[in-house]
Amino acid sequence: MTGVISGGGQWGFVAAAYVLTAVLTGAVLLHSWRAMAKAERRSDALRKDRK
């Protein structure tokens, strides 16, 4: 059948898909954490200005 991954190659594709998903999920989490930390620093700086 054309376009179908057959034999042992399919497991390599599945493993690559899981690795890619894990790496991209980690990248999104890291980006979100850094954005949150930056927003907290800005919020703290604004609070200090009010006092």
C-alpha atoms as a PDB file:
ATOM      1  CA  MET A   1       0.000   0.000   0.000  1.00  0.00           C
ATOM      2  CA  THR A   2       1.359   3.419  -0.915  1.00  0.00           C
ATOM      3  CA  GLY A   3       1.734   6.004   1.867  1.00  0.00           C
ATOM      4  CA  VAL A   4       1.577   3.513   4.718  1.00  0.00           C
ATOM      5  CA  ILE A   5       4.527   2.975   7.022  1.00  0.00           C
ATOM      6  CA  SER A   6       5.017  -0.750   7.343  1.00  0.00           C
ATOM      7  CA  GLY A   7       7.430  -3.046   9.112  1.00  0.00           C
ATOM      8  CA  GLY A   8       9.771  -1.907  11.881  1.00  0.00           C
ATOM      9  CA  GLY A   9       9.937   1.651  10.537  1.00  0.00           C
ATOM     10  CA  GLN A  10       6.580   2.500  12.015  1.00  0.00           C
ATOM     11  CA  TRP A  11       7.946   2.269  15.561  1.00  0.00           C
ATOM     12  CA  GLY A  12      10.728   4.685  14.719  1.00  0.00           C
ATOM     13  CA  PHE A  13       8.097   7.125  13.495  1.00  0.00           C
ATOM     14  CA  VAL A  14       6.038   6.660  16.668  1.00  0.00           C
ATOM     15  CA  ALA A  15       9.098   7.171  18.874  1.00  0.00           C
ATOM     16  CA  ALA A  16      10.083  10.290  16.929  1.00  0.00           C
ATOM     17  CA  ALA A  17       6.569  11.684  17.286  1.00  0.00           C
ATOM     18  CA  TYR A  18       6.647  11.165  21.068  1.00  0.00           C
ATOM     19  CA  VAL A  19      10.103  12.737  21.345  1.00  0.00           C
ATOM     20  CA  LEU A  20       9.021  15.720  19.259  1.00  0.00           C
ATOM     21  CA  THR A  21       5.906  16.131  21.384  1.00  0.00           C
ATOM     22  CA  ALA A  22       7.935  16.002  24.607  1.00  0.00           C
ATOM     23  CA  VAL A  23      10.508  18.514  23.336  1.00  0.00           C
ATOM     24  CA  LEU A  24       7.901  20.972  22.097  1.00  0.00           C
ATOM     25  CA  THR A  25       5.879  20.637  25.307  1.00  0.00           C
ATOM     26  CA  GLY A  26       9.022  21.390  27.303  1.00  0.00           C
ATOM     27  CA  ALA A  27       9.716  24.428  25.125  1.00  0.00           C
ATOM     28  CA  VAL A  28       6.198  25.778  25.677  1.00  0.00           C
ATOM     29  CA  LEU A  29       6.469  25.204  29.435  1.00  0.00           C
ATOM     30  CA  LEU A  30       9.842  26.955  29.597  1.00  0.00           C
ATOM     31  CA  HIS A  31       8.589  29.899  27.554  1.00  0.00           C
ATOM     32  CA  SER A  32       5.482  30.223  29.743  1.00  0.00           C
ATOM     33  CA  TRP A  33       7.490  30.002  32.956  1.00  0.00           C
ATOM     34  CA  ARG A  34       9.903  32.711  31.791  1.00  0.00           C
ATOM     35  CA  ALA A  35       7.008  34.971  30.764  1.00  0.00           C
ATOM     36  CA  MET A  36       5.348  34.432  34.150  1.00  0.00           C
ATOM     37  CA  ALA A  37       8.571  35.233  36.019  1.00  0.00           C
ATOM     38  CA  LYS A  38       9.015  38.416  33.969  1.00  0.00           C
ATOM     39  CA  ALA A  39       5.421  39.491  34.680  1.00  0.00           C
ATOM     40  CA  GLU A  40       5.908  38.861  38.411  1.00  0.00           C
ATOM     41  CA  ARG A  41       9.059  41.007  38.425  1.00  0.00           C
ATOM     42  CA  ARG A  42       7.170  43.810  36.687  1.00  0.00           C
ATOM     43  CA  SER A  43       4.290  43.481  39.145  1.00  0.00           C
ATOM     44  CA  ASP A  44       6.654  43.614  42.117  1.00  0.00           C
ATOM     45  CA  ALA A  45       8.341  46.696  40.683  1.00  0.00           C
ATOM     46  CA  LEU A  46       4.970  48.441  40.304  1.00  0.00           C
ATOM     47  CA  ARG A  47       4.044  47.624  43.895  1.00  0.00           C
ATOM     48  CA  LYS A  48       7.305  49.095  45.162  1.00  0.00           C
ATOM     49  CA  ASP A  49       6.550  52.310  43.274  1.00  0.00           C
ATOM     50  CA  ARG A  50       3.208  52.676  45.082  1.00  0.00           C
ATOM     51  CA  LYS A  51       4.713  52.589  48.562  1.00  0.00           C
END
